[in-house]
Amino acid sequence: SLFSRKSKESKALSHNATGWRLFGKTAAREGDPTKDPASTLSTEQCPQEEQQQDSDVSSCPQLPLAAGRRKNLEFEPLSTTALILEDRPANLPAKSMEETQRHKMEYEEMVAGAKRREMKEAQRKKRQMKERHRQEDSISNAMVIWNNEILPHWDTMKGTRRVRELWWQGLPPSVRGRVWSLAIGNELNITPELYEIFLSRAKEKWRSYSETSSVNDSESEGASLADRESSLDLIKLDISRTFPSLFIFQKGGPYHDLLHSVLGAYTCYRPDIGYVQGMSFIAAVLILNLEEAEAFITFANLLNKPCQMAFFRVDHELMLKYFAAFEVFFEENLPRLFSHFQTNNLTPDLYLIDWIFTLYSKSLPLDVACRVWDVFCRDGEESLFRTGLGILRLFEDVLLQMDFIHIAQFLTRLPEDLQSHTLFTAMANTHMVSRNRRWAQV
């Protein structure tokens, strides 16, 4: 048929054009009229030959020469790199023997360089794979120890030196949520049933908001700032900005409704605090590691800790005490950087508030943040400030070269390629003792 004939011709053209042949030879098929490369070239490059049969001058007089010139090569060029070996067109001066030899040597150097890069990349991947297997074996062995030896005897084992060392190395993902829950505890005695009650209240409140288009609690007049901040609109806005690169907490994602429920139930459980920006990151990390009701219970108890309560209730007096204590250890551990920050009027509140509000889950890569959470559950609030000093130690040389604006921007969003082992090495070199006084004493 007419259409099938046109289809075959266009296919032949696309696979046998000069540009295509330059990058690699295509094997001819049986019965394909494109078996003869010379005829193919002449047909493709002179598509109007039939219309110019009466013309004395051919529009493609040099095609046979071009084909012949490429045939003189010992191989078919597989990339533009090999073009250096080609002869010049007939209308240009020919290459001298010296130039031809030089081009051949340059090409061989390029090929050798490509092979070296390829070998280096292969070795890098091999090292990465080896390290990955080592980590997987380590996690597997640690998981057996946690499940069989530590968790069944949690109360007696949690304070031992061996467990604390394993804890510092990082919890296996499969037991992380359970260890966090046990370490944080449930001093508030919240039950799953209580969570369901507050979740029902939250849903009723949202339904009321939707019907009345009001952000005020229908049960109270003259709503406080906390009540206004617990509005559905603010929670929705913050959820959309929670781990946006994961695409799992945004609307339509698998964890959107779950995160919405936990945050809504908490605003009803603690209307005196309400919803505060940054809570969504903490709740999201817990949801990734715990079941819904357990995540809520751990979330409520975590925010009830003195340090978190001081920040989320914006207790200025207590927050200033935390900042002052941090600066004592900052000056003790990193005197040069401390002086640089002082010169640039960079106070701890400009970066610590964001770190403490989200427990580093917004500023650090998620896997590194989870390691920080591991140690936080082991050592309490002291580890949060130790982590901050570890970050400053790790990037001290970089920060010393920056001014106020660039330091603030850098500390708000730390490098994505930050590795947990480098951070924890910096943290291990940070001493939380000043003049024989520990963190709690300071």
Protein backbone atom coordinates (compact mmCIF):
# COMPACT_ATOMS: atom_id res chain seq x y z
CA SER A 1 0.00 0.00 0.00
CA LEU A 2 0.97 3.61 -0.38
CA PHE A 3 1.30 4.28 3.39
CA SER A 4 3.37 1.20 4.13
CA ARG A 5 5.82 2.08 1.32
CA LYS A 6 6.27 5.60 2.70
CA SER A 7 6.80 4.22 6.19
CA LYS A 8 9.58 1.91 5.07
CA GLU A 9 11.33 4.65 3.13
CA SER A 10 11.27 7.05 6.09
CA LYS A 11 12.61 4.33 8.38
CA ALA A 12 15.46 3.59 6.04
CA LEU A 13 16.29 7.25 5.81
CA SER A 14 16.40 7.73 9.56
CA HIS A 15 18.79 4.82 10.13
CA ASN A 16 21.10 5.39 7.22
CA ALA A 17 21.53 9.16 7.21
CA THR A 18 25.06 10.51 7.28
CA GLY A 19 24.76 11.65 10.89
CA TRP A 20 23.55 8.20 11.94
CA ARG A 21 26.33 6.35 10.13
CA LEU A 22 28.91 8.62 11.71
CA PHE A 23 28.16 7.27 15.19
CA GLY A 24 27.94 3.60 14.35
CA LYS A 25 27.23 1.18 11.52
CA THR A 26 23.75 -0.29 11.22
CA ALA A 27 23.55 -3.79 9.83
CA ALA A 28 21.52 -4.06 6.64
CA ARG A 29 18.50 -6.36 6.63
CA GLU A 30 17.71 -8.96 4.02
CA GLY A 31 15.60 -7.67 1.25
CA ASP A 32 16.21 -4.11 2.42
CA PRO A 33 17.04 -1.76 -0.44
CA THR A 34 19.53 0.01 1.84
CA LYS A 35 22.07 -2.87 1.74
CA ASP A 36 24.43 -0.90 -0.42
CA PRO A 37 25.84 2.02 1.58
CA ALA A 38 27.02 3.90 -1.48
CA SER A 39 23.62 3.78 -3.11
CA THR A 40 22.01 4.73 0.18
CA LEU A 41 24.22 7.75 0.56
CA SER A 42 23.64 8.93 -2.95
CA THR A 43 19.91 8.40 -2.61
CA GLU A 44 19.72 10.23 0.72
CA GLN A 45 22.01 13.11 -0.06
CA CYS A 46 20.43 13.70 -3.50
CA PRO A 47 16.72 13.20 -2.86
CA GLN A 48 15.85 15.47 -5.79
CA GLU A 49 17.98 13.59 -8.33
CA GLU A 50 14.93 12.35 -10.22
CA GLN A 51 13.71 15.91 -10.61
CA GLN A 52 17.12 17.02 -11.91
CA GLN A 53 17.82 14.35 -14.50
CA ASP A 54 18.18 16.99 -17.21
CA SER A 55 20.79 18.91 -15.20
CA ASP A 56 24.42 18.66 -16.29
CA VAL A 57 25.78 19.32 -12.78
CA SER A 58 25.20 16.87 -9.94
CA SER A 59 24.34 18.38 -6.58
CA CYS A 60 26.38 15.70 -4.76
CA PRO A 61 29.55 15.15 -6.77
CA GLN A 62 31.80 14.34 -3.80
CA LEU A 63 29.76 11.63 -2.07
CA PRO A 64 31.67 8.69 -3.54
CA LEU A 65 34.91 10.34 -2.36
CA ALA A 66 33.50 10.80 1.16
CA ALA A 67 32.42 7.21 1.32
CA GLY A 68 35.77 6.06 0.03
CA ARG A 69 37.63 8.27 2.48
CA ARG A 70 35.80 6.73 5.46
CA LYS A 71 36.49 3.25 4.12
CA ASN A 72 40.21 4.00 4.37
CA LEU A 73 39.91 4.10 8.19
CA GLU A 74 40.77 0.90 10.05
CA PHE A 75 37.44 1.09 11.93
CA GLU A 76 34.04 2.74 11.80
CA PRO A 77 34.05 5.89 14.02
CA LEU A 78 31.85 5.29 17.07
CA SER A 79 31.87 8.85 18.42
CA THR A 80 32.77 12.39 17.46
CA THR A 81 36.11 11.88 19.21
CA ALA A 82 37.28 9.82 16.25
CA LEU A 83 36.62 12.65 13.80
CA ILE A 84 40.17 13.83 14.46
CA LEU A 85 41.37 10.87 12.37
CA GLU A 86 39.31 11.83 9.34
CA ASP A 87 40.90 13.33 6.23
CA ARG A 88 39.96 16.89 5.40
CA PRO A 89 37.36 17.63 2.72
CA ALA A 90 38.71 17.84 -0.84
CA ASN A 91 38.37 21.62 -0.98
CA LEU A 92 40.84 22.03 1.93
CA PRO A 93 44.59 21.31 2.06
CA ALA A 94 45.35 17.68 2.88
CA LYS A 95 46.93 16.71 6.18
CA SER A 96 50.67 16.23 6.31
CA MET A 97 52.13 12.97 7.61
CA GLU A 98 53.26 14.71 10.80
CA GLU A 99 49.78 16.11 11.43
CA THR A 100 48.16 12.75 10.73
CA GLN A 101 50.54 11.07 13.17
CA ARG A 102 49.93 13.76 15.80
CA HIS A 103 46.16 13.38 15.47
CA LYS A 104 46.50 9.63 15.84
CA MET A 105 48.52 10.06 19.03
CA GLU A 106 46.00 12.59 20.39
CA TYR A 107 43.19 10.18 19.69
CA GLU A 108 45.02 7.35 21.44
CA GLU A 109 45.58 9.63 24.45
CA MET A 110 41.88 10.48 24.51
CA VAL A 111 40.94 6.81 24.39
CA ALA A 112 43.45 5.95 27.12
CA GLY A 113 42.11 8.81 29.28
CA ALA A 114 38.55 7.59 28.81
CA LYS A 115 39.61 4.08 29.83
CA ARG A 116 41.35 5.42 32.93
CA ARG A 117 38.25 7.38 33.92
CA GLU A 118 36.10 4.33 33.33
CA MET A 119 38.40 2.17 35.45
CA LYS A 120 38.46 4.78 38.23
CA GLU A 121 34.66 4.98 38.21
CA ALA A 122 34.42 1.16 38.32
CA GLN A 123 36.77 1.07 41.32
CA ARG A 124 34.72 3.77 43.06
CA LYS A 125 31.50 1.82 42.51
CA LYS A 126 33.20 -1.32 43.76
CA ARG A 127 34.26 0.44 46.96
CA GLN A 128 30.75 1.84 47.41
CA MET A 129 29.24 -1.62 46.96
CA LYS A 130 31.72 -3.11 49.41
CA GLU A 131 30.90 -0.43 52.00
CA ARG A 132 27.19 -0.93 51.41
CA HIS A 133 27.52 -4.69 52.01
CA ARG A 134 29.53 -4.00 55.16
CA GLN A 135 26.84 -1.65 56.46
CA GLU A 136 24.09 -4.13 55.63
CA ASP A 137 25.93 -6.89 57.51
CA SER A 138 26.49 -4.56 60.46
CA ILE A 139 22.80 -3.56 60.54
CA SER A 140 21.73 -7.19 60.26
CA ASN A 141 23.96 -8.24 63.16
CA ALA A 142 22.87 -5.27 65.26
CA MET A 143 19.20 -6.04 64.58
CA VAL A 144 19.63 -9.56 65.97
CA ILE A 145 21.30 -8.20 69.11
CA TRP A 146 18.61 -5.56 69.68
CA ASN A 147 15.72 -7.96 69.09
CA ASN A 148 17.07 -10.94 71.02
CA GLU A 149 19.18 -9.45 73.78
CA ILE A 150 18.34 -5.81 74.46
CA LEU A 151 14.64 -5.14 73.84
CA PRO A 152 13.38 -8.17 75.82
CA HIS A 153 15.37 -6.89 78.83
CA TRP A 154 15.08 -3.16 78.16
CA ASP A 155 14.94 -1.84 81.73
CA THR A 156 18.10 -3.64 82.81
CA MET A 157 20.06 -3.32 79.55
CA LYS A 158 19.40 0.26 78.40
CA GLY A 159 22.02 1.86 80.64
CA THR A 160 24.85 -0.61 80.07
CA ARG A 161 28.03 0.46 78.34
CA ARG A 162 27.58 -2.08 75.55
CA VAL A 163 24.09 -0.87 74.70
CA ARG A 164 25.13 2.77 74.79
CA GLU A 165 27.97 2.04 72.35
CA LEU A 166 25.61 0.20 70.00
CA TRP A 167 23.18 3.10 70.32
CA TRP A 168 25.84 5.61 69.30
CA GLN A 169 26.62 3.57 66.17
CA GLY A 170 23.03 3.96 65.01
CA LEU A 171 19.85 1.96 65.53
CA PRO A 172 18.78 -0.58 62.88
CA PRO A 173 15.77 0.90 61.01
CA SER A 174 13.59 -2.08 61.93
CA VAL A 175 13.90 -1.42 65.70
CA ARG A 176 14.39 2.36 65.62
CA GLY A 177 10.76 3.30 66.25
CA ARG A 178 10.37 0.90 69.15
CA VAL A 179 13.59 2.07 70.82
CA TRP A 180 12.57 5.72 70.40
CA SER A 181 9.18 4.99 71.94
CA LEU A 182 10.71 3.16 74.92
CA ALA A 183 13.41 5.79 75.46
CA ILE A 184 11.02 8.76 75.32
CA GLY A 185 8.49 6.96 77.49
CA ASN A 186 4.84 7.73 78.18
CA GLU A 187 4.80 9.90 81.30
CA LEU A 188 1.53 11.43 80.12
CA ASN A 189 -0.17 7.98 80.17
CA ILE A 190 -1.79 8.51 76.78
CA THR A 191 -3.63 5.49 75.38
CA PRO A 192 -4.64 4.68 71.78
CA GLU A 193 -8.26 5.20 72.84
CA LEU A 194 -7.46 8.70 74.05
CA TYR A 195 -5.85 9.44 70.69
CA GLU A 196 -9.05 8.35 68.91
CA ILE A 197 -11.10 10.69 71.12
CA PHE A 198 -8.93 13.72 70.31
CA LEU A 199 -8.81 12.77 66.65
CA SER A 200 -12.62 12.73 66.57
CA ARG A 201 -12.67 16.20 68.13
CA ALA A 202 -10.18 17.43 65.55
CA LYS A 203 -12.29 16.10 62.69
CA GLU A 204 -15.38 17.73 64.13
CA LYS A 205 -13.53 21.02 64.44
CA TRP A 206 -12.33 20.81 60.84
CA ARG A 207 -15.86 20.06 59.71
CA SER A 208 -17.06 23.13 61.59
CA TYR A 209 -14.31 25.23 60.01
CA SER A 210 -15.31 24.02 56.59
CA GLU A 211 -18.97 24.86 57.13
CA THR A 212 -18.51 28.26 58.73
CA SER A 213 -15.24 29.28 56.99
CA SER A 214 -13.99 30.32 60.37
CA VAL A 215 -10.63 29.63 62.00
CA ASN A 216 -12.00 30.13 65.53
CA ASP A 217 -12.99 27.32 67.84
CA SER A 218 -16.80 27.28 67.96
CA GLU A 219 -16.73 26.35 71.65
CA SER A 220 -14.74 29.39 72.77
CA GLU A 221 -15.13 33.09 72.16
CA GLY A 222 -12.24 35.44 71.68
CA ALA A 223 -9.90 32.66 70.65
CA SER A 224 -6.30 32.97 71.75
CA LEU A 225 -3.25 33.00 69.50
CA ALA A 226 -2.71 29.29 70.19
CA ASP A 227 -6.25 28.54 69.00
CA ARG A 228 -5.72 30.53 65.83
CA GLU A 229 -2.44 28.74 65.16
CA SER A 230 -4.15 25.38 65.52
CA SER A 231 -6.34 26.18 62.54
CA LEU A 232 -6.69 23.76 59.69
CA ASP A 233 -5.21 26.26 57.26
CA LEU A 234 -1.89 26.54 59.10
CA ILE A 235 -1.54 22.78 59.50
CA LYS A 236 -2.33 22.25 55.83
CA LEU A 237 0.22 24.85 54.81
CA ASP A 238 2.97 23.33 56.95
CA ILE A 239 2.24 19.77 55.82
CA SER A 240 2.73 20.81 52.19
CA ARG A 241 6.25 21.99 53.13
CA THR A 242 7.22 18.87 55.09
CA PHE A 243 9.93 16.82 53.34
CA PRO A 244 8.75 18.05 49.92
CA SER A 245 11.39 15.98 48.08
CA LEU A 246 9.83 12.73 49.36
CA PHE A 247 6.35 13.52 47.93
CA ILE A 248 4.67 11.35 50.59
CA PHE A 249 3.28 13.95 53.00
CA GLN A 250 1.85 16.34 50.42
CA LYS A 251 -1.81 16.13 49.39
CA GLY A 252 -2.42 12.87 47.56
CA GLY A 253 0.63 11.23 49.18
CA PRO A 254 0.32 8.04 51.27
CA TYR A 255 1.11 9.77 54.58
CA HIS A 256 -0.72 13.08 54.12
CA ASP A 257 -3.90 12.14 55.99
CA LEU A 258 -1.93 10.36 58.71
CA LEU A 259 0.24 13.39 59.42
CA HIS A 260 -2.83 15.61 59.31
CA SER A 261 -4.56 13.40 61.89
CA VAL A 262 -1.64 13.30 64.34
CA LEU A 263 -1.15 17.09 64.24
CA GLY A 264 -4.88 17.80 64.47
CA ALA A 265 -5.32 15.47 67.45
CA TYR A 266 -2.40 17.14 69.25
CA THR A 267 -3.90 20.62 68.86
CA CYS A 268 -7.04 19.35 70.58
CA TYR A 269 -5.01 17.52 73.24
CA ARG A 270 -2.91 20.61 74.04
CA PRO A 271 -4.94 23.69 73.05
CA ASP A 272 -2.69 25.76 75.33
CA ILE A 273 0.15 25.10 72.87
CA GLY A 274 -1.81 24.50 69.69
CA TYR A 275 0.02 23.96 66.44
CA VAL A 276 3.43 25.60 66.08
CA GLN A 277 5.34 25.74 62.81
CA GLY A 278 7.96 23.00 62.69
CA MET A 279 5.91 20.38 64.55
CA SER A 280 5.07 18.70 61.25
CA PHE A 281 8.70 17.63 60.74
CA ILE A 282 8.86 15.94 64.15
CA ALA A 283 5.52 14.18 63.63
CA ALA A 284 6.54 13.11 60.12
CA VAL A 285 9.76 11.43 61.32
CA LEU A 286 7.80 9.56 63.98
CA ILE A 287 5.15 8.46 61.47
CA LEU A 288 7.90 7.01 59.26
CA ASN A 289 9.02 4.80 62.15
CA LEU A 290 5.88 4.08 64.21
CA GLU A 291 2.23 3.15 63.85
CA GLU A 292 -0.30 6.00 63.96
CA ALA A 293 -1.41 5.82 67.62
CA GLU A 294 2.11 5.09 68.87
CA ALA A 295 3.46 7.99 66.81
CA PHE A 296 0.94 10.33 68.50
CA ILE A 297 1.80 9.05 71.98
CA THR A 298 5.53 9.48 71.38
CA PHE A 299 4.98 12.89 69.74
CA ALA A 300 3.00 14.24 72.71
CA ASN A 301 5.52 12.94 75.26
CA LEU A 302 8.47 14.25 73.25
CA LEU A 303 7.03 17.76 73.09
CA ASN A 304 6.45 17.58 76.83
CA LYS A 305 10.21 17.46 77.51
CA PRO A 306 11.55 20.65 79.18
CA CYS A 307 13.64 21.83 76.22
CA GLN A 308 10.91 21.26 73.62
CA MET A 309 8.27 22.79 75.88
CA ALA A 310 10.42 25.91 76.38
CA PHE A 311 10.79 26.41 72.63
CA PHE A 312 7.27 25.52 71.52
CA ARG A 313 5.69 27.67 74.24
CA VAL A 314 8.20 30.42 73.38
CA ASP A 315 9.42 30.77 76.94
CA HIS A 316 11.90 33.59 76.23
CA GLU A 317 13.59 33.47 79.63
CA LEU A 318 14.29 29.74 79.47
CA MET A 319 15.30 29.91 75.80
CA LEU A 320 17.89 32.58 76.64
CA LYS A 321 19.31 30.27 79.32
CA TYR A 322 19.70 27.50 76.73
CA PHE A 323 21.39 29.89 74.30
CA ALA A 324 23.78 31.14 77.00
CA ALA A 325 24.72 27.58 77.97
CA PHE A 326 25.31 26.74 74.33
CA GLU A 327 27.64 29.71 73.93
CA VAL A 328 29.71 28.58 76.93
CA PHE A 329 30.48 25.26 75.23
CA PHE A 330 30.79 26.94 71.82
CA GLU A 331 33.58 29.20 73.09
CA GLU A 332 35.21 26.29 74.91
CA ASN A 333 35.29 23.99 71.86
CA LEU A 334 35.63 26.40 68.92
CA PRO A 335 37.18 29.69 70.11
CA ARG A 336 38.14 30.96 66.62
CA LEU A 337 34.70 30.36 65.13
CA PHE A 338 33.03 31.73 68.26
CA SER A 339 35.01 34.95 67.87
CA HIS A 340 34.11 35.10 64.16
CA PHE A 341 30.40 34.75 65.00
CA GLN A 342 30.73 37.46 67.64
CA THR A 343 32.39 39.80 65.15
CA ASN A 344 29.55 39.24 62.68
CA ASN A 345 26.87 39.60 65.41
CA LEU A 346 25.60 36.10 64.68
CA THR A 347 23.71 34.98 67.78
CA PRO A 348 22.65 31.35 68.49
CA ASP A 349 18.94 32.07 68.10
CA LEU A 350 19.44 32.67 64.36
CA TYR A 351 20.23 29.00 63.73
CA LEU A 352 19.50 27.04 66.92
CA ILE A 353 15.76 27.78 66.94
CA ASP A 354 15.24 26.06 63.59
CA TRP A 355 17.42 23.13 64.61
CA ILE A 356 15.68 22.60 67.96
CA PHE A 357 12.14 23.17 66.64
CA THR A 358 12.53 20.37 64.08
CA LEU A 359 15.17 18.28 65.89
CA TYR A 360 17.44 18.78 62.85
CA SER A 361 15.04 16.90 60.57
CA LYS A 362 14.60 19.96 58.33
CA SER A 363 18.25 21.03 58.10
CA LEU A 364 20.01 17.64 57.86
CA PRO A 365 19.51 14.83 55.32
CA LEU A 366 16.82 12.51 56.69
CA ASP A 367 19.10 9.51 57.31
CA VAL A 368 21.56 11.69 59.24
CA ALA A 369 18.71 13.32 61.19
CA CYS A 370 17.52 9.87 62.28
CA ARG A 371 20.99 9.13 63.65
CA VAL A 372 20.82 12.41 65.58
CA TRP A 373 17.43 11.33 66.95
CA ASP A 374 18.98 8.03 68.07
CA VAL A 375 21.49 9.84 70.26
CA PHE A 376 18.88 12.36 71.42
CA CYS A 377 16.74 9.50 72.73
CA ARG A 378 19.83 8.14 74.52
CA ASP A 379 21.31 11.35 75.98
CA GLY A 380 18.41 13.81 76.06
CA GLU A 381 18.54 17.53 75.33
CA GLU A 382 22.33 17.77 75.79
CA SER A 383 22.81 15.80 72.56
CA LEU A 384 20.85 18.43 70.60
CA PHE A 385 23.34 21.14 71.50
CA ARG A 386 26.26 18.74 71.06
CA THR A 387 25.00 18.04 67.55
CA GLY A 388 24.92 21.79 66.88
CA LEU A 389 28.53 22.13 68.01
CA GLY A 390 29.45 19.10 65.90
CA ILE A 391 27.98 20.79 62.81
CA LEU A 392 29.90 23.99 63.53
CA ARG A 393 33.11 22.00 64.06
CA LEU A 394 32.60 20.05 60.85
CA PHE A 395 32.20 23.20 58.74
CA GLU A 396 34.44 25.51 60.77
CA ASP A 397 36.89 26.23 57.93
CA VAL A 398 34.05 27.06 55.54
CA LEU A 399 32.19 29.25 58.03
CA LEU A 400 35.31 31.25 58.88
CA GLN A 401 35.36 32.49 55.27
CA MET A 402 31.72 33.63 55.28
CA ASP A 403 29.93 36.80 56.33
CA PHE A 404 26.70 37.13 58.34
CA ILE A 405 24.25 36.50 55.48
CA HIS A 406 26.08 33.50 54.01
CA ILE A 407 26.58 31.86 57.41
CA ALA A 408 22.88 32.18 58.24
CA GLN A 409 21.89 30.74 54.85
CA PHE A 410 24.40 27.90 55.09
CA LEU A 411 23.30 26.80 58.57
CA THR A 412 19.63 26.90 57.61
CA ARG A 413 20.10 24.29 54.90
CA LEU A 414 23.18 22.14 55.36
CA PRO A 415 24.84 20.29 52.43
CA GLU A 416 22.82 17.35 51.09
CA ASP A 417 25.93 15.17 50.85
CA LEU A 418 26.68 15.46 54.57
CA GLN A 419 27.61 11.98 55.85
CA SER A 420 26.59 10.74 59.29
CA HIS A 421 30.01 9.29 60.12
CA THR A 422 31.75 12.65 59.54
CA LEU A 423 29.21 14.48 61.69
CA PHE A 424 29.46 11.94 64.50
CA THR A 425 33.25 12.10 64.41
CA ALA A 426 32.97 15.87 64.91
CA MET A 427 30.45 15.31 67.71
CA ALA A 428 32.77 12.79 69.40
CA ASN A 429 35.51 15.44 69.42
CA THR A 430 33.17 17.93 71.11
CA HIS A 431 33.54 18.04 74.88
CA MET A 432 30.45 18.88 76.90
CA VAL A 433 32.37 19.81 80.04
CA SER A 434 33.28 23.38 80.91
CA ARG A 435 35.33 24.12 84.05
CA ASN A 436 34.39 20.73 85.49
CA ARG A 437 30.72 21.47 84.89
CA ARG A 438 28.53 19.37 82.66
CA TRP A 439 25.62 20.60 80.51
CA ALA A 440 22.94 20.31 83.18
CA GLN A 441 25.10 22.21 85.68
CA VAL A 442 25.85 25.01 83.25
